[in-house]
Amino acid sequence: MQIDPRGPRFGAAITTLVLALVLVTRSPWLLAAQTLVFALGAFDASPYGLLFRKLVRPRLSPPSELEDAAPPRFAQGVGLGFAIVGLIGFAAGITPLALGATAAALLAAFLNAAFGFCLGCEMYLIIRRLQPGRIQ
């Protein structure tokens, strides 16, 4: 499946705001909501992607190119992993773990939103290249 690359950047911008709020408020509930968004995004049902498709993309010119949906889906899974670690930190009362995991996810989201550099997407591509039997 091919997607508009501006969609994941839009989602990353919202994610950046949400995770920054988690760090400021130390709210496990807000992190739980973002964790759900990551989980849905990993299965190609991102609420932020839906907002982009319904409200933003109709107001933009068509994209100059499309990209494969697999790397951004993988990146959502990576974000999900960090968010789960953050929730475990909050639940266990290990605030540095919670805030550290949240900050790592925030950094990745910010890099995508601000510069179009998706760390999870790059991880996906590296993993694919390292698989045995893959033609490079």
N, C-alpha and C. Protein backbone atom coordinates (compact mmCIF):
# COMPACT_ATOMS: atom_id res chain seq x y z
N MET A 1 0.85 -1.18 0.00
CA MET A 1 0.00 0.00 0.00
C MET A 1 0.90 1.24 0.00
N GLN A 2 0.52 2.22 -0.77
CA GLN A 2 1.25 3.47 -0.87
C GLN A 2 0.49 4.57 -0.12
N ILE A 3 1.24 5.45 0.54
CA ILE A 3 0.62 6.53 1.31
C ILE A 3 1.27 7.87 0.97
N ASP A 4 0.56 8.93 1.29
CA ASP A 4 1.08 10.29 1.17
C ASP A 4 2.08 10.49 2.31
N PRO A 5 3.35 10.80 2.02
CA PRO A 5 4.35 10.94 3.09
C PRO A 5 4.09 12.10 4.04
N ARG A 6 3.21 13.00 3.65
CA ARG A 6 2.89 14.12 4.54
C ARG A 6 2.01 13.67 5.70
N GLY A 7 1.29 12.55 5.53
CA GLY A 7 0.43 12.03 6.60
C GLY A 7 1.20 11.64 7.85
N PRO A 8 2.24 10.80 7.71
CA PRO A 8 3.01 10.46 8.90
C PRO A 8 3.68 11.67 9.56
N ARG A 9 4.08 12.65 8.77
CA ARG A 9 4.67 13.86 9.38
C ARG A 9 3.63 14.63 10.17
N PHE A 10 2.41 14.69 9.65
CA PHE A 10 1.31 15.33 10.36
C PHE A 10 1.06 14.61 11.68
N GLY A 11 0.99 13.27 11.62
CA GLY A 11 0.80 12.48 12.83
C GLY A 11 1.94 12.67 13.82
N ALA A 12 3.16 12.77 13.29
CA ALA A 12 4.33 12.99 14.16
C ALA A 12 4.25 14.34 14.86
N ALA A 13 3.70 15.34 14.18
CA ALA A 13 3.55 16.66 14.81
C ALA A 13 2.58 16.59 15.99
N ILE A 14 1.46 15.90 15.79
CA ILE A 14 0.50 15.76 16.89
C ILE A 14 1.12 14.93 18.01
N THR A 15 1.80 13.85 17.65
CA THR A 15 2.46 13.00 18.64
C THR A 15 3.48 13.80 19.44
N THR A 16 4.22 14.66 18.77
CA THR A 16 5.20 15.51 19.46
C THR A 16 4.51 16.36 20.53
N LEU A 17 3.40 16.96 20.17
CA LEU A 17 2.66 17.78 21.14
C LEU A 17 2.15 16.95 22.31
N VAL A 18 1.58 15.79 22.00
CA VAL A 18 1.03 14.94 23.06
C VAL A 18 2.13 14.47 24.00
N LEU A 19 3.25 13.99 23.44
CA LEU A 19 4.32 13.49 24.30
C LEU A 19 4.99 14.61 25.09
N ALA A 20 5.07 15.80 24.52
CA ALA A 20 5.59 16.94 25.28
C ALA A 20 4.68 17.24 26.47
N LEU A 21 3.38 17.15 26.24
CA LEU A 21 2.43 17.35 27.34
C LEU A 21 2.57 16.26 28.40
N VAL A 22 2.85 15.02 27.97
CA VAL A 22 3.08 13.94 28.94
C VAL A 22 4.27 14.29 29.82
N LEU A 23 5.35 14.79 29.21
CA LEU A 23 6.53 15.14 30.01
C LEU A 23 6.26 16.29 30.97
N VAL A 24 5.49 17.27 30.51
CA VAL A 24 5.21 18.44 31.35
C VAL A 24 4.24 18.07 32.48
N THR A 25 3.20 17.30 32.16
CA THR A 25 2.17 16.99 33.16
C THR A 25 2.44 15.70 33.92
N ARG A 26 3.33 14.87 33.40
CA ARG A 26 3.60 13.54 33.96
C ARG A 26 2.32 12.72 34.06
N SER A 27 1.51 12.81 33.04
CA SER A 27 0.21 12.14 33.02
C SER A 27 0.28 10.75 32.39
N PRO A 28 0.10 9.71 33.20
CA PRO A 28 0.07 8.37 32.61
C PRO A 28 -1.16 8.17 31.72
N TRP A 29 -2.24 8.89 32.00
CA TRP A 29 -3.46 8.75 31.20
C TRP A 29 -3.25 9.30 29.80
N LEU A 30 -2.56 10.40 29.70
CA LEU A 30 -2.27 10.97 28.38
C LEU A 30 -1.33 10.04 27.61
N LEU A 31 -0.35 9.47 28.31
CA LEU A 31 0.55 8.51 27.66
C LEU A 31 -0.24 7.27 27.24
N ALA A 32 -1.19 6.85 28.04
CA ALA A 32 -2.02 5.70 27.67
C ALA A 32 -2.81 5.98 26.39
N ALA A 33 -3.32 7.20 26.27
CA ALA A 33 -4.04 7.57 25.05
C ALA A 33 -3.11 7.53 23.84
N GLN A 34 -1.90 8.05 23.98
CA GLN A 34 -0.94 8.02 22.89
C GLN A 34 -0.51 6.58 22.59
N THR A 35 -0.43 5.75 23.60
CA THR A 35 -0.10 4.33 23.41
C THR A 35 -1.15 3.67 22.53
N LEU A 36 -2.41 3.99 22.77
CA LEU A 36 -3.49 3.46 21.95
C LEU A 36 -3.35 3.95 20.50
N VAL A 37 -3.01 5.21 20.33
CA VAL A 37 -2.81 5.76 18.98
C VAL A 37 -1.66 5.01 18.28
N PHE A 38 -0.56 4.77 19.00
CA PHE A 38 0.55 4.00 18.42
C PHE A 38 0.08 2.61 18.03
N ALA A 39 -0.68 1.95 18.89
CA ALA A 39 -1.16 0.59 18.61
C ALA A 39 -2.03 0.57 17.36
N LEU A 40 -2.93 1.51 17.26
CA LEU A 40 -3.78 1.59 16.07
C LEU A 40 -2.95 1.88 14.82
N GLY A 41 -1.97 2.76 14.96
CA GLY A 41 -1.11 3.10 13.82
C GLY A 41 -0.28 1.93 13.35
N ALA A 42 0.11 1.07 14.27
CA ALA A 42 0.89 -0.12 13.89
C ALA A 42 0.06 -1.08 13.06
N PHE A 43 -1.26 -0.97 13.15
CA PHE A 43 -2.15 -1.82 12.37
C PHE A 43 -2.89 -1.02 11.30
N ASP A 44 -2.28 0.08 10.87
CA ASP A 44 -2.78 0.89 9.76
C ASP A 44 -4.16 1.50 10.03
N ALA A 45 -4.41 1.88 11.26
CA ALA A 45 -5.70 2.50 11.61
C ALA A 45 -5.46 3.73 12.48
N SER A 46 -4.44 4.52 12.18
CA SER A 46 -4.07 5.65 13.02
C SER A 46 -5.15 6.74 13.01
N PRO A 47 -5.58 7.16 14.20
CA PRO A 47 -6.54 8.28 14.25
C PRO A 47 -5.95 9.56 13.64
N TYR A 48 -4.64 9.78 13.83
CA TYR A 48 -4.02 10.97 13.25
C TYR A 48 -3.99 10.87 11.73
N GLY A 49 -3.78 9.67 11.22
CA GLY A 49 -3.82 9.46 9.77
C GLY A 49 -5.21 9.72 9.22
N LEU A 50 -6.22 9.31 9.97
CA LEU A 50 -7.60 9.57 9.55
C LEU A 50 -7.88 11.07 9.51
N LEU A 51 -7.43 11.79 10.54
CA LEU A 51 -7.58 13.25 10.54
C LEU A 51 -6.90 13.87 9.32
N PHE A 52 -5.70 13.39 9.02
CA PHE A 52 -4.98 13.91 7.86
C PHE A 52 -5.77 13.65 6.58
N ARG A 53 -6.22 12.42 6.39
CA ARG A 53 -6.93 12.06 5.16
C ARG A 53 -8.24 12.81 4.99
N LYS A 54 -8.96 13.02 6.09
CA LYS A 54 -10.29 13.64 6.00
C LYS A 54 -10.26 15.17 6.03
N LEU A 55 -9.34 15.75 6.83
CA LEU A 55 -9.38 17.20 7.03
C LEU A 55 -8.24 17.97 6.37
N VAL A 56 -7.07 17.36 6.26
CA VAL A 56 -5.90 18.11 5.78
C VAL A 56 -5.62 17.84 4.30
N ARG A 57 -5.52 16.57 3.93
CA ARG A 57 -5.12 16.25 2.55
C ARG A 57 -6.04 16.85 1.49
N PRO A 58 -7.37 16.91 1.70
CA PRO A 58 -8.21 17.53 0.66
C PRO A 58 -7.87 19.00 0.39
N ARG A 59 -7.19 19.64 1.33
CA ARG A 59 -6.84 21.05 1.16
C ARG A 59 -5.45 21.24 0.56
N LEU A 60 -4.74 20.14 0.31
CA LEU A 60 -3.38 20.20 -0.23
C LEU A 60 -3.37 19.75 -1.68
N SER A 61 -2.32 20.15 -2.38
CA SER A 61 -2.13 19.63 -3.73
C SER A 61 -1.75 18.15 -3.62
N PRO A 62 -1.91 17.39 -4.69
CA PRO A 62 -1.52 15.99 -4.63
C PRO A 62 -0.03 15.86 -4.30
N PRO A 63 0.34 14.77 -3.62
CA PRO A 63 1.75 14.60 -3.28
C PRO A 63 2.58 14.37 -4.55
N SER A 64 3.84 14.80 -4.51
CA SER A 64 4.72 14.61 -5.67
C SER A 64 5.10 13.14 -5.82
N GLU A 65 5.07 12.40 -4.73
CA GLU A 65 5.33 10.96 -4.76
C GLU A 65 4.68 10.32 -3.55
N LEU A 66 4.48 9.01 -3.64
CA LEU A 66 3.93 8.24 -2.55
C LEU A 66 5.03 7.37 -1.96
N GLU A 67 4.80 6.84 -0.75
CA GLU A 67 5.78 5.95 -0.13
C GLU A 67 5.08 4.72 0.40
N ASP A 68 5.87 3.67 0.59
CA ASP A 68 5.36 2.42 1.13
C ASP A 68 4.88 2.65 2.56
N ALA A 69 3.76 2.05 2.92
CA ALA A 69 3.19 2.22 4.27
C ALA A 69 3.90 1.38 5.32
N ALA A 70 4.66 0.37 4.91
CA ALA A 70 5.27 -0.55 5.89
C ALA A 70 6.25 0.14 6.84
N PRO A 71 7.19 0.97 6.36
CA PRO A 71 8.10 1.61 7.31
C PRO A 71 7.41 2.49 8.36
N PRO A 72 6.44 3.35 7.96
CA PRO A 72 5.75 4.12 9.01
C PRO A 72 4.96 3.25 9.98
N ARG A 73 4.38 2.14 9.49
CA ARG A 73 3.67 1.22 10.40
C ARG A 73 4.65 0.63 11.40
N PHE A 74 5.84 0.23 10.92
CA PHE A 74 6.87 -0.30 11.82
C PHE A 74 7.26 0.77 12.85
N ALA A 75 7.41 2.01 12.39
CA ALA A 75 7.77 3.10 13.29
C ALA A 75 6.71 3.29 14.38
N GLN A 76 5.44 3.11 14.03
CA GLN A 76 4.38 3.20 15.03
C GLN A 76 4.53 2.08 16.06
N GLY A 77 4.96 0.91 15.60
CA GLY A 77 5.22 -0.20 16.52
C GLY A 77 6.37 0.10 17.47
N VAL A 78 7.40 0.74 16.95
CA VAL A 78 8.53 1.14 17.80
C VAL A 78 8.04 2.16 18.84
N GLY A 79 7.26 3.14 18.39
CA GLY A 79 6.69 4.11 19.32
C GLY A 79 5.83 3.43 20.37
N LEU A 80 5.07 2.42 19.95
CA LEU A 80 4.25 1.65 20.87
C LEU A 80 5.12 1.00 21.95
N GLY A 81 6.25 0.45 21.54
CA GLY A 81 7.15 -0.17 22.51
C GLY A 81 7.65 0.81 23.55
N PHE A 82 8.07 1.98 23.11
CA PHE A 82 8.54 3.00 24.05
C PHE A 82 7.41 3.48 24.95
N ALA A 83 6.21 3.63 24.39
CA ALA A 83 5.08 4.08 25.20
C ALA A 83 4.71 3.04 26.26
N ILE A 84 4.78 1.77 25.90
CA ILE A 84 4.49 0.71 26.87
C ILE A 84 5.51 0.74 28.00
N VAL A 85 6.78 0.91 27.64
CA VAL A 85 7.82 1.01 28.69
C VAL A 85 7.53 2.21 29.58
N GLY A 86 7.11 3.32 28.99
CA GLY A 86 6.75 4.50 29.78
C GLY A 86 5.60 4.22 30.72
N LEU A 87 4.59 3.52 30.23
CA LEU A 87 3.44 3.18 31.09
C LEU A 87 3.86 2.25 32.22
N ILE A 88 4.73 1.30 31.91
CA ILE A 88 5.24 0.41 32.96
C ILE A 88 5.99 1.23 34.02
N GLY A 89 6.77 2.19 33.56
CA GLY A 89 7.48 3.07 34.50
C GLY A 89 6.53 3.82 35.41
N PHE A 90 5.48 4.39 34.82
CA PHE A 90 4.49 5.10 35.65
C PHE A 90 3.81 4.14 36.62
N ALA A 91 3.40 2.96 36.12
CA ALA A 91 2.68 2.00 36.97
C ALA A 91 3.55 1.49 38.11
N ALA A 92 4.84 1.33 37.84
CA ALA A 92 5.76 0.81 38.86
C ALA A 92 6.32 1.91 39.76
N GLY A 93 5.96 3.15 39.47
CA GLY A 93 6.48 4.26 40.26
C GLY A 93 7.92 4.60 39.94
N ILE A 94 8.38 4.18 38.77
CA ILE A 94 9.76 4.47 38.35
C ILE A 94 9.67 5.64 37.36
N THR A 95 9.52 6.82 37.91
CA THR A 95 9.31 8.01 37.09
C THR A 95 10.43 8.25 36.09
N PRO A 96 11.71 8.07 36.45
CA PRO A 96 12.75 8.28 35.43
C PRO A 96 12.60 7.36 34.21
N LEU A 97 12.18 6.11 34.43
CA LEU A 97 11.94 5.20 33.31
C LEU A 97 10.79 5.71 32.45
N ALA A 98 9.71 6.11 33.10
CA ALA A 98 8.54 6.62 32.38
C ALA A 98 8.90 7.84 31.54
N LEU A 99 9.60 8.78 32.16
CA LEU A 99 9.93 10.02 31.45
C LEU A 99 11.01 9.79 30.40
N GLY A 100 11.94 8.89 30.67
CA GLY A 100 12.99 8.59 29.69
C GLY A 100 12.43 7.94 28.44
N ALA A 101 11.56 6.97 28.62
CA ALA A 101 10.95 6.31 27.47
C ALA A 101 10.08 7.29 26.68
N THR A 102 9.35 8.13 27.40
CA THR A 102 8.52 9.14 26.74
C THR A 102 9.39 10.14 25.98
N ALA A 103 10.50 10.55 26.59
CA ALA A 103 11.41 11.50 25.93
C ALA A 103 12.02 10.89 24.67
N ALA A 104 12.35 9.60 24.70
CA ALA A 104 12.90 8.94 23.51
C ALA A 104 11.87 8.93 22.37
N ALA A 105 10.63 8.60 22.71
CA ALA A 105 9.57 8.62 21.69
C ALA A 105 9.34 10.05 21.19
N LEU A 106 9.40 11.01 22.09
CA LEU A 106 9.24 12.42 21.71
C LEU A 106 10.34 12.85 20.74
N LEU A 107 11.56 12.47 21.01
CA LEU A 107 12.67 12.82 20.12
C LEU A 107 12.44 12.26 18.72
N ALA A 108 12.04 11.01 18.63
CA ALA A 108 11.79 10.39 17.33
C ALA A 108 10.64 11.10 16.61
N ALA A 109 9.57 11.39 17.33
CA ALA A 109 8.43 12.08 16.71
C ALA A 109 8.83 13.47 16.24
N PHE A 110 9.61 14.18 17.05
CA PHE A 110 10.04 15.52 16.68
C PHE A 110 10.91 15.50 15.43
N LEU A 111 11.83 14.54 15.34
CA LEU A 111 12.69 14.46 14.16
C LEU A 111 11.86 14.25 12.89
N ASN A 112 10.82 13.45 13.00
CA ASN A 112 9.96 13.22 11.83
C ASN A 112 9.14 14.47 11.52
N ALA A 113 8.54 15.05 12.54
CA ALA A 113 7.68 16.22 12.32
C ALA A 113 8.47 17.41 11.78
N ALA A 114 9.62 17.68 12.36
CA ALA A 114 10.38 18.88 12.00
C ALA A 114 11.25 18.71 10.76
N PHE A 115 11.83 17.52 10.61
CA PHE A 115 12.83 17.34 9.55
C PHE A 115 12.49 16.24 8.55
N GLY A 116 11.40 15.54 8.77
CA GLY A 116 11.04 14.44 7.87
C GLY A 116 11.95 13.24 8.00
N PHE A 117 12.66 13.13 9.12
CA PHE A 117 13.56 12.00 9.36
C PHE A 117 12.88 11.03 10.31
N CYS A 118 12.47 9.90 9.80
CA CYS A 118 11.74 8.91 10.59
C CYS A 118 12.71 7.83 11.06
N LEU A 119 13.04 7.85 12.34
CA LEU A 119 13.97 6.87 12.91
C LEU A 119 13.45 5.44 12.78
N GLY A 120 12.19 5.24 13.08
CA GLY A 120 11.61 3.90 12.98
C GLY A 120 11.61 3.40 11.54
N CYS A 121 11.36 4.30 10.59
CA CYS A 121 11.40 3.93 9.17
C CYS A 121 12.81 3.51 8.77
N GLU A 122 13.79 4.24 9.24
CA GLU A 122 15.19 3.90 8.94
C GLU A 122 15.56 2.56 9.56
N MET A 123 15.07 2.30 10.78
CA MET A 123 15.32 1.01 11.42
C MET A 123 14.71 -0.11 10.57
N TYR A 124 13.51 0.11 10.08
CA TYR A 124 12.83 -0.88 9.23
C TYR A 124 13.68 -1.20 8.01
N LEU A 125 14.18 -0.18 7.34
CA LEU A 125 14.97 -0.39 6.13
C LEU A 125 16.28 -1.12 6.43
N ILE A 126 16.93 -0.79 7.54
CA ILE A 126 18.17 -1.47 7.93
C ILE A 126 17.88 -2.95 8.21
N ILE A 127 16.82 -3.22 8.94
CA ILE A 127 16.46 -4.60 9.26
C ILE A 127 16.18 -5.38 7.97
N ARG A 128 15.46 -4.78 7.05
CA ARG A 128 15.17 -5.45 5.78
C ARG A 128 16.44 -5.76 5.00
N ARG A 129 17.38 -4.83 5.01
CA ARG A 129 18.64 -5.05 4.29
C ARG A 129 19.49 -6.15 4.92
N LEU A 130 19.37 -6.32 6.23
CA LEU A 130 20.19 -7.31 6.94
C LEU A 130 19.60 -8.71 6.91
N GLN A 131 18.38 -8.85 6.41
CA GLN A 131 17.76 -10.18 6.38
C GLN A 131 18.51 -11.09 5.42
N PRO A 132 18.79 -12.31 5.84
CA PRO A 132 19.48 -13.24 4.96
C PRO A 132 18.67 -13.52 3.68
N GLY A 133 19.38 -13.63 2.58
CA GLY A 133 18.73 -13.94 1.31
C GLY A 133 18.12 -12.76 0.59
N ARG A 134 18.20 -11.59 1.18
CA ARG A 134 17.64 -10.38 0.53
C ARG A 134 18.63 -9.89 -0.52
N ILE A 135 18.13 -9.59 -1.68
CA ILE A 135 18.94 -8.98 -2.72
C ILE A 135 18.96 -7.48 -2.46
N GLN A 136 20.16 -6.92 -2.44
CA GLN A 136 20.26 -5.49 -2.09
C GLN A 136 20.33 -4.62 -3.30
